[in-house]
PDB file of all heavy atoms in Angstrom:
ATOM      1  N   ASP A   1      -4.902  40.487  -9.172  1.00  0.00           N
ATOM      2  CA  ASP A   1      -6.096  40.267  -9.987  1.00  0.00           C
ATOM      3  C   ASP A   1      -6.653  38.847  -9.873  1.00  0.00           C
ATOM      4  O   ASP A   1      -7.785  38.589 -10.270  1.00  0.00           O
ATOM      5  CB  ASP A   1      -5.832  40.618 -11.453  1.00  0.00           C
ATOM      6  CG  ASP A   1      -4.692  39.815 -12.071  1.00  0.00           C
ATOM      7  OD1 ASP A   1      -3.833  39.331 -11.313  1.00  0.00           O
ATOM      8  OD2 ASP A   1      -4.677  39.688 -13.310  1.00  0.00           O
ATOM      9  N   LEU A   2      -5.900  37.917  -9.283  1.00  0.00           N
ATOM     10  CA  LEU A   2      -6.381  36.540  -9.109  1.00  0.00           C
ATOM     11  C   LEU A   2      -6.889  36.242  -7.702  1.00  0.00           C
ATOM     12  O   LEU A   2      -7.458  35.174  -7.457  1.00  0.00           O
ATOM     13  CB  LEU A   2      -5.250  35.547  -9.420  1.00  0.00           C
ATOM     14  CG  LEU A   2      -4.870  35.370 -10.877  1.00  0.00           C
ATOM     15  CD1 LEU A   2      -3.659  34.472 -11.001  1.00  0.00           C
ATOM     16  CD2 LEU A   2      -6.032  34.789 -11.663  1.00  0.00           C
ATOM     17  N   VAL A   3      -6.697  37.159  -6.778  1.00  0.00           N
ATOM     18  CA  VAL A   3      -7.002  36.891  -5.364  1.00  0.00           C
ATOM     19  C   VAL A   3      -8.453  36.472  -5.157  1.00  0.00           C
ATOM     20  O   VAL A   3      -8.726  35.446  -4.542  1.00  0.00           O
ATOM     21  CB  VAL A   3      -6.666  38.117  -4.477  1.00  0.00           C
ATOM     22  CG1 VAL A   3      -7.195  37.930  -3.068  1.00  0.00           C
ATOM     23  CG2 VAL A   3      -5.172  38.356  -4.464  1.00  0.00           C
ATOM     24  N   GLU A   4      -9.376  37.248  -5.670  1.00  0.00           N
ATOM     25  CA  GLU A   4     -10.791  36.962  -5.419  1.00  0.00           C
ATOM     26  C   GLU A   4     -11.198  35.611  -5.995  1.00  0.00           C
ATOM     27  O   GLU A   4     -11.926  34.851  -5.366  1.00  0.00           O
ATOM     28  CB  GLU A   4     -11.658  38.078  -5.996  1.00  0.00           C
ATOM     29  CG  GLU A   4     -13.016  38.185  -5.339  1.00  0.00           C
ATOM     30  CD  GLU A   4     -12.975  38.270  -3.813  1.00  0.00           C
ATOM     31  OE1 GLU A   4     -12.196  39.048  -3.249  1.00  0.00           O
ATOM     32  OE2 GLU A   4     -13.749  37.516  -3.178  1.00  0.00           O
ATOM     33  N   GLN A   5     -10.693  35.277  -7.167  1.00  0.00           N
ATOM     34  CA  GLN A   5     -11.020  34.001  -7.807  1.00  0.00           C
ATOM     35  C   GLN A   5     -10.464  32.826  -6.993  1.00  0.00           C
ATOM     36  O   GLN A   5     -11.152  31.828  -6.776  1.00  0.00           O
ATOM     37  CB  GLN A   5     -10.460  33.985  -9.229  1.00  0.00           C
ATOM     38  CG  GLN A   5     -10.932  32.822 -10.049  1.00  0.00           C
ATOM     39  CD  GLN A   5     -10.399  32.878 -11.478  1.00  0.00           C
ATOM     40  OE1 GLN A   5      -9.522  33.668 -11.797  1.00  0.00           O
ATOM     41  NE2 GLN A   5     -10.929  32.017 -12.325  1.00  0.00           N
ATOM     42  N   VAL A   6      -9.230  32.951  -6.521  1.00  0.00           N
ATOM     43  CA  VAL A   6      -8.615  31.891  -5.727  1.00  0.00           C
ATOM     44  C   VAL A   6      -9.366  31.699  -4.409  1.00  0.00           C
ATOM     45  O   VAL A   6      -9.664  30.580  -3.998  1.00  0.00           O
ATOM     46  CB  VAL A   6      -7.110  32.185  -5.474  1.00  0.00           C
ATOM     47  CG1 VAL A   6      -6.536  31.228  -4.443  1.00  0.00           C
ATOM     48  CG2 VAL A   6      -6.334  32.109  -6.773  1.00  0.00           C
ATOM     49  N   VAL A   7      -9.702  32.807  -3.751  1.00  0.00           N
ATOM     50  CA  VAL A   7     -10.436  32.740  -2.485  1.00  0.00           C
ATOM     51  C   VAL A   7     -11.791  32.065  -2.696  1.00  0.00           C
ATOM     52  O   VAL A   7     -12.190  31.201  -1.909  1.00  0.00           O
ATOM     53  CB  VAL A   7     -10.595  34.138  -1.857  1.00  0.00           C
ATOM     54  CG1 VAL A   7     -11.606  34.123  -0.723  1.00  0.00           C
ATOM     55  CG2 VAL A   7      -9.244  34.659  -1.372  1.00  0.00           C
ATOM     56  N   GLU A   8     -12.492  32.421  -3.763  1.00  0.00           N
ATOM     57  CA  GLU A   8     -13.797  31.820  -4.042  1.00  0.00           C
ATOM     58  C   GLU A   8     -13.677  30.314  -4.273  1.00  0.00           C
ATOM     59  O   GLU A   8     -14.489  29.536  -3.763  1.00  0.00           O
ATOM     60  CB  GLU A   8     -14.442  32.477  -5.265  1.00  0.00           C
ATOM     61  CG  GLU A   8     -15.017  33.844  -4.984  1.00  0.00           C
ATOM     62  CD  GLU A   8     -15.573  34.510  -6.236  1.00  0.00           C
ATOM     63  OE1 GLU A   8     -15.784  33.814  -7.264  1.00  0.00           O
ATOM     64  OE2 GLU A   8     -15.786  35.730  -6.196  1.00  0.00           O
ATOM     65  N   VAL A   9     -12.669  29.900  -5.032  1.00  0.00           N
ATOM     66  CA  VAL A   9     -12.479  28.475  -5.309  1.00  0.00           C
ATOM     67  C   VAL A   9     -12.219  27.709  -4.019  1.00  0.00           C
ATOM     68  O   VAL A   9     -12.819  26.660  -3.767  1.00  0.00           O
ATOM     69  CB  VAL A   9     -11.326  28.251  -6.323  1.00  0.00           C
ATOM     70  CG1 VAL A   9     -10.871  26.798  -6.324  1.00  0.00           C
ATOM     71  CG2 VAL A   9     -11.759  28.677  -7.708  1.00  0.00           C
ATOM     72  N   ILE A  10     -11.335  28.236  -3.176  1.00  0.00           N
ATOM     73  CA  ILE A  10     -11.028  27.554  -1.914  1.00  0.00           C
ATOM     74  C   ILE A  10     -12.266  27.505  -1.030  1.00  0.00           C
ATOM     75  O   ILE A  10     -12.604  26.459  -0.475  1.00  0.00           O
ATOM     76  CB  ILE A  10      -9.865  28.252  -1.174  1.00  0.00           C
ATOM     77  CG1 ILE A  10      -8.575  28.140  -1.987  1.00  0.00           C
ATOM     78  CG2 ILE A  10      -9.676  27.645   0.217  1.00  0.00           C
ATOM     79  CD1 ILE A  10      -7.450  29.004  -1.463  1.00  0.00           C
ATOM     80  N   GLU A  11     -12.943  28.640  -0.912  1.00  0.00           N
ATOM     81  CA  GLU A  11     -14.117  28.718  -0.045  1.00  0.00           C
ATOM     82  C   GLU A  11     -15.205  27.729  -0.472  1.00  0.00           C
ATOM     83  O   GLU A  11     -15.746  26.995   0.351  1.00  0.00           O
ATOM     84  CB  GLU A  11     -14.659  30.149  -0.069  1.00  0.00           C
ATOM     85  CG  GLU A  11     -15.762  30.415   0.912  1.00  0.00           C
ATOM     86  CD  GLU A  11     -16.214  31.867   0.896  1.00  0.00           C
ATOM     87  OE1 GLU A  11     -15.710  32.660   0.078  1.00  0.00           O
ATOM     88  OE2 GLU A  11     -17.097  32.198   1.704  1.00  0.00           O
ATOM     89  N   GLU A  12     -15.498  27.698  -1.754  1.00  0.00           N
ATOM     90  CA  GLU A  12     -16.561  26.815  -2.249  1.00  0.00           C
ATOM     91  C   GLU A  12     -16.164  25.339  -2.184  1.00  0.00           C
ATOM     92  O   GLU A  12     -16.978  24.487  -1.852  1.00  0.00           O
ATOM     93  CB  GLU A  12     -16.930  27.204  -3.680  1.00  0.00           C
ATOM     94  CG  GLU A  12     -17.638  28.547  -3.763  1.00  0.00           C
ATOM     95  CD  GLU A  12     -17.794  29.045  -5.201  1.00  0.00           C
ATOM     96  OE1 GLU A  12     -17.528  28.262  -6.137  1.00  0.00           O
ATOM     97  OE2 GLU A  12     -18.169  30.215  -5.366  1.00  0.00           O
ATOM     98  N   THR A  13     -14.916  25.040  -2.505  1.00  0.00           N
ATOM     99  CA  THR A  13     -14.484  23.646  -2.577  1.00  0.00           C
ATOM    100  C   THR A  13     -14.240  23.033  -1.199  1.00  0.00           C
ATOM    101  O   THR A  13     -14.502  21.858  -0.982  1.00  0.00           O
ATOM    102  CB  THR A  13     -13.203  23.530  -3.430  1.00  0.00           C
ATOM    103  OG1 THR A  13     -13.403  24.207  -4.671  1.00  0.00           O
ATOM    104  CG2 THR A  13     -12.865  22.087  -3.715  1.00  0.00           C
ATOM    105  N   ALA A  14     -13.748  23.833  -0.250  1.00  0.00           N
ATOM    106  CA  ALA A  14     -13.412  23.307   1.077  1.00  0.00           C
ATOM    107  C   ALA A  14     -14.613  23.285   2.027  1.00  0.00           C
ATOM    108  O   ALA A  14     -14.559  22.655   3.071  1.00  0.00           O
ATOM    109  CB  ALA A  14     -12.288  24.128   1.701  1.00  0.00           C
ATOM    110  N   ARG A  15     -15.710  23.931   1.652  1.00  0.00           N
ATOM    111  CA  ARG A  15     -16.867  24.026   2.548  1.00  0.00           C
ATOM    112  C   ARG A  15     -17.614  22.701   2.647  1.00  0.00           C
ATOM    113  O   ARG A  15     -17.964  22.091   1.648  1.00  0.00           O
ATOM    114  CB  ARG A  15     -17.821  25.105   2.045  1.00  0.00           C
ATOM    115  CG  ARG A  15     -19.054  25.250   2.934  1.00  0.00           C
ATOM    116  CD  ARG A  15     -20.040  26.290   2.426  1.00  0.00           C
ATOM    117  NE  ARG A  15     -19.450  27.616   2.484  1.00  0.00           N
ATOM    118  CZ  ARG A  15     -19.438  28.465   1.459  1.00  0.00           C
ATOM    119  NH1 ARG A  15     -19.970  28.113   0.312  1.00  0.00           N
ATOM    120  NH2 ARG A  15     -18.895  29.645   1.601  1.00  0.00           N
ATOM    121  N   THR A  16     -17.848  22.278   3.897  1.00  0.00           N
ATOM    122  CA  THR A  16     -18.722  21.127   4.150  1.00  0.00           C
ATOM    123  C   THR A  16     -20.003  21.586   4.830  1.00  0.00           C
ATOM    124  O   THR A  16     -20.963  20.840   4.900  1.00  0.00           O
ATOM    125  CB  THR A  16     -18.044  20.076   5.060  1.00  0.00           C
ATOM    126  OG1 THR A  16     -17.865  20.636   6.360  1.00  0.00           O
ATOM    127  CG2 THR A  16     -16.724  19.612   4.501  1.00  0.00           C
ATOM    128  N   GLY A  17     -19.967  22.798   5.380  1.00  0.00           N
ATOM    129  CA  GLY A  17     -21.115  23.317   6.110  1.00  0.00           C
ATOM    130  C   GLY A  17     -21.096  22.949   7.582  1.00  0.00           C
ATOM    131  O   GLY A  17     -22.016  23.278   8.320  1.00  0.00           O
ATOM    132  N   LYS A  18     -20.044  22.278   7.998  1.00  0.00           N
ATOM    133  CA  LYS A  18     -19.933  21.861   9.398  1.00  0.00           C
ATOM    134  C   LYS A  18     -18.819  22.643  10.073  1.00  0.00           C
ATOM    135  O   LYS A  18     -17.909  23.154   9.419  1.00  0.00           O
ATOM    136  CB  LYS A  18     -19.648  20.364   9.491  1.00  0.00           C
ATOM    137  CG  LYS A  18     -20.776  19.530   8.920  1.00  0.00           C
ATOM    138  CD  LYS A  18     -20.506  18.063   9.050  1.00  0.00           C
ATOM    139  CE  LYS A  18     -21.708  17.314   8.484  1.00  0.00           C
ATOM    140  NZ  LYS A  18     -21.341  16.083   7.863  1.00  0.00           N
ATOM    141  N   ILE A  19     -18.874  22.684  11.397  1.00  0.00           N
ATOM    142  CA  ILE A  19     -17.858  23.394  12.161  1.00  0.00           C
ATOM    143  C   ILE A  19     -16.479  22.791  11.872  1.00  0.00           C
ATOM    144  O   ILE A  19     -16.349  21.589  11.664  1.00  0.00           O
ATOM    145  CB  ILE A  19     -18.191  23.362  13.670  1.00  0.00           C
ATOM    146  CG1 ILE A  19     -17.365  24.379  14.427  1.00  0.00           C
ATOM    147  CG2 ILE A  19     -18.050  21.974  14.232  1.00  0.00           C
ATOM    148  CD1 ILE A  19     -17.873  24.662  15.821  1.00  0.00           C
ATOM    149  N   GLY A  20     -15.463  23.641  11.788  1.00  0.00           N
ATOM    150  CA  GLY A  20     -14.112  23.172  11.528  1.00  0.00           C
ATOM    151  C   GLY A  20     -13.711  23.203  10.068  1.00  0.00           C
ATOM    152  O   GLY A  20     -12.672  22.658   9.698  1.00  0.00           O
ATOM    153  N   ASP A  21     -14.513  23.845   9.208  1.00  0.00           N
ATOM    154  CA  ASP A  21     -14.171  23.933   7.785  1.00  0.00           C
ATOM    155  C   ASP A  21     -12.891  24.728   7.546  1.00  0.00           C
ATOM    156  O   ASP A  21     -12.217  24.513   6.559  1.00  0.00           O
ATOM    157  CB  ASP A  21     -15.311  24.560   6.987  1.00  0.00           C
ATOM    158  CG  ASP A  21     -16.354  23.543   6.571  1.00  0.00           C
ATOM    159  OD1 ASP A  21     -16.124  22.331   6.748  1.00  0.00           O
ATOM    160  OD2 ASP A  21     -17.410  23.965   6.058  1.00  0.00           O
ATOM    161  N   GLY A  22     -12.552  25.653   8.436  1.00  0.00           N
ATOM    162  CA  GLY A  22     -11.279  26.353   8.309  1.00  0.00           C
ATOM    163  C   GLY A  22     -11.406  27.849   8.130  1.00  0.00           C
ATOM    164  O   GLY A  22     -12.464  28.435   8.329  1.00  0.00           O
ATOM    165  N   LYS A  23     -10.284  28.450   7.727  1.00  0.00           N
ATOM    166  CA  LYS A  23     -10.195  29.902   7.555  1.00  0.00           C
ATOM    167  C   LYS A  23      -9.342  30.196   6.328  1.00  0.00           C
ATOM    168  O   LYS A  23      -8.507  29.394   5.926  1.00  0.00           O
ATOM    169  CB  LYS A  23      -9.498  30.549   8.758  1.00  0.00           C
ATOM    170  CG  LYS A  23     -10.201  30.398  10.083  1.00  0.00           C
ATOM    171  CD  LYS A  23     -11.158  31.543  10.303  1.00  0.00           C
ATOM    172  CE  LYS A  23     -11.692  31.608  11.712  1.00  0.00           C
ATOM    173  NZ  LYS A  23     -12.438  30.486  12.165  1.00  0.00           N
ATOM    174  N   ILE A  24      -9.526  31.399   5.777  1.00  0.00           N
ATOM    175  CA  ILE A  24      -8.694  31.898   4.686  1.00  0.00           C
ATOM    176  C   ILE A  24      -8.168  33.266   5.112  1.00  0.00           C
ATOM    177  O   ILE A  24      -8.930  34.114   5.568  1.00  0.00           O
ATOM    178  CB  ILE A  24      -9.480  32.026   3.367  1.00  0.00           C
ATOM    179  CG1 ILE A  24     -10.046  30.670   2.947  1.00  0.00           C
ATOM    180  CG2 ILE A  24      -8.596  32.623   2.274  1.00  0.00           C
ATOM    181  CD1 ILE A  24     -11.004  30.733   1.770  1.00  0.00           C
ATOM    182  N   PHE A  25      -6.856  33.455   4.965  1.00  0.00           N
ATOM    183  CA  PHE A  25      -6.215  34.724   5.298  1.00  0.00           C
ATOM    184  C   PHE A  25      -5.554  35.270   4.034  1.00  0.00           C
ATOM    185  O   PHE A  25      -4.890  34.527   3.307  1.00  0.00           O
ATOM    186  CB  PHE A  25      -5.135  34.537   6.371  1.00  0.00           C
ATOM    187  CG  PHE A  25      -5.643  33.871   7.623  1.00  0.00           C
ATOM    188  CD1 PHE A  25      -5.506  32.505   7.799  1.00  0.00           C
ATOM    189  CD2 PHE A  25      -6.262  34.611   8.616  1.00  0.00           C
ATOM    190  CE1 PHE A  25      -5.965  31.884   8.948  1.00  0.00           C
ATOM    191  CE2 PHE A  25      -6.732  33.996   9.766  1.00  0.00           C
ATOM    192  CZ  PHE A  25      -6.582  32.637   9.934  1.00  0.00           C
ATOM    193  N   VAL A  26      -5.716  36.568   3.784  1.00  0.00           N
ATOM    194  CA  VAL A  26      -5.089  37.219   2.638  1.00  0.00           C
ATOM    195  C   VAL A  26      -4.215  38.346   3.166  1.00  0.00           C
ATOM    196  O   VAL A  26      -4.698  39.223   3.885  1.00  0.00           O
ATOM    197  CB  VAL A  26      -6.147  37.773   1.659  1.00  0.00           C
ATOM    198  CG1 VAL A  26      -5.477  38.454   0.472  1.00  0.00           C
ATOM    199  CG2 VAL A  26      -7.081  36.663   1.184  1.00  0.00           C
ATOM    200  N   THR A  27      -2.919  38.299   2.812  1.00  0.00           N
ATOM    201  CA  THR A  27      -1.974  39.316   3.282  1.00  0.00           C
ATOM    202  C   THR A  27      -1.136  39.822   2.108  1.00  0.00           C
ATOM    203  O   THR A  27      -0.905  39.103   1.137  1.00  0.00           O
ATOM    204  CB  THR A  27      -1.034  38.742   4.365  1.00  0.00           C
ATOM    205  OG1 THR A  27      -0.381  37.580   3.856  1.00  0.00           O
ATOM    206  CG2 THR A  27      -1.790  38.369   5.624  1.00  0.00           C
ATOM    207  N   PRO A  28      -0.671  41.065   2.201  1.00  0.00           N
ATOM    208  CA  PRO A  28       0.172  41.602   1.129  1.00  0.00           C
ATOM    209  C   PRO A  28       1.562  40.966   1.117  1.00  0.00           C
ATOM    210  O   PRO A  28       2.083  40.584   2.162  1.00  0.00           O
ATOM    211  CB  PRO A  28       0.280  43.094   1.455  1.00  0.00           C
ATOM    212  CG  PRO A  28      -0.254  43.279   2.821  1.00  0.00           C
ATOM    213  CD  PRO A  28      -0.976  42.043   3.232  1.00  0.00           C
ATOM    214  N   VAL A  29       2.126  40.851  -0.071  1.00  0.00           N
ATOM    215  CA  VAL A  29       3.490  40.353  -0.246  1.00  0.00           C
ATOM    216  C   VAL A  29       4.289  41.484  -0.891  1.00  0.00           C
ATOM    217  O   VAL A  29       3.942  41.964  -1.968  1.00  0.00           O
ATOM    218  CB  VAL A  29       3.520  39.094  -1.143  1.00  0.00           C
ATOM    219  CG1 VAL A  29       4.950  38.690  -1.468  1.00  0.00           C
ATOM    220  CG2 VAL A  29       2.795  37.952  -0.470  1.00  0.00           C
ATOM    221  N   GLU A  30       5.344  41.900  -0.227  1.00  0.00           N
ATOM    222  CA  GLU A  30       6.138  43.017  -0.735  1.00  0.00           C
ATOM    223  C   GLU A  30       7.051  42.619  -1.875  1.00  0.00           C
ATOM    224  O   GLU A  30       7.262  43.389  -2.805  1.00  0.00           O
ATOM    225  CB  GLU A  30       6.953  43.626   0.397  1.00  0.00           C
ATOM    226  CG  GLU A  30       6.091  44.324   1.428  1.00  0.00           C
ATOM    227  CD  GLU A  30       6.907  44.999   2.512  1.00  0.00           C
ATOM    228  OE1 GLU A  30       8.070  45.369   2.234  1.00  0.00           O
ATOM    229  OE2 GLU A  30       6.378  45.151   3.609  1.00  0.00           O
ATOM    230  N   GLU A  31       7.637  41.439  -1.810  1.00  0.00           N
ATOM    231  CA  GLU A  31       8.612  41.039  -2.819  1.00  0.00           C
ATOM    232  C   GLU A  31       8.659  39.526  -2.946  1.00  0.00           C
ATOM    233  O   GLU A  31       8.480  38.813  -1.968  1.00  0.00           O
ATOM    234  CB  GLU A  31       9.995  41.548  -2.426  1.00  0.00           C
ATOM    235  CG  GLU A  31      11.089  41.286  -3.430  1.00  0.00           C
ATOM    236  CD  GLU A  31      10.975  42.112  -4.701  1.00  0.00           C
ATOM    237  OE1 GLU A  31      10.311  41.640  -5.645  1.00  0.00           O
ATOM    238  OE2 GLU A  31      11.521  43.220  -4.740  1.00  0.00           O
ATOM    239  N   VAL A  32       8.888  39.063  -4.167  1.00  0.00           N
ATOM    240  CA  VAL A  32       9.107  37.648  -4.432  1.00  0.00           C
ATOM    241  C   VAL A  32      10.406  37.548  -5.228  1.00  0.00           C
ATOM    242  O   VAL A  32      10.609  38.300  -6.186  1.00  0.00           O
ATOM    243  CB  VAL A  32       7.954  37.015  -5.247  1.00  0.00           C
ATOM    244  CG1 VAL A  32       8.275  35.576  -5.608  1.00  0.00           C
ATOM    245  CG2 VAL A  32       6.655  37.095  -4.483  1.00  0.00           C
TER     246      VAL A  32
END
């Protein structure tokens, strides 16, 4: 339930608008 909020925060905060801003990957976690 927090995934979309976390992704949005990272995307908005890390964006400079220039090449090399990065990537975000989301993968399932079976167990912690």
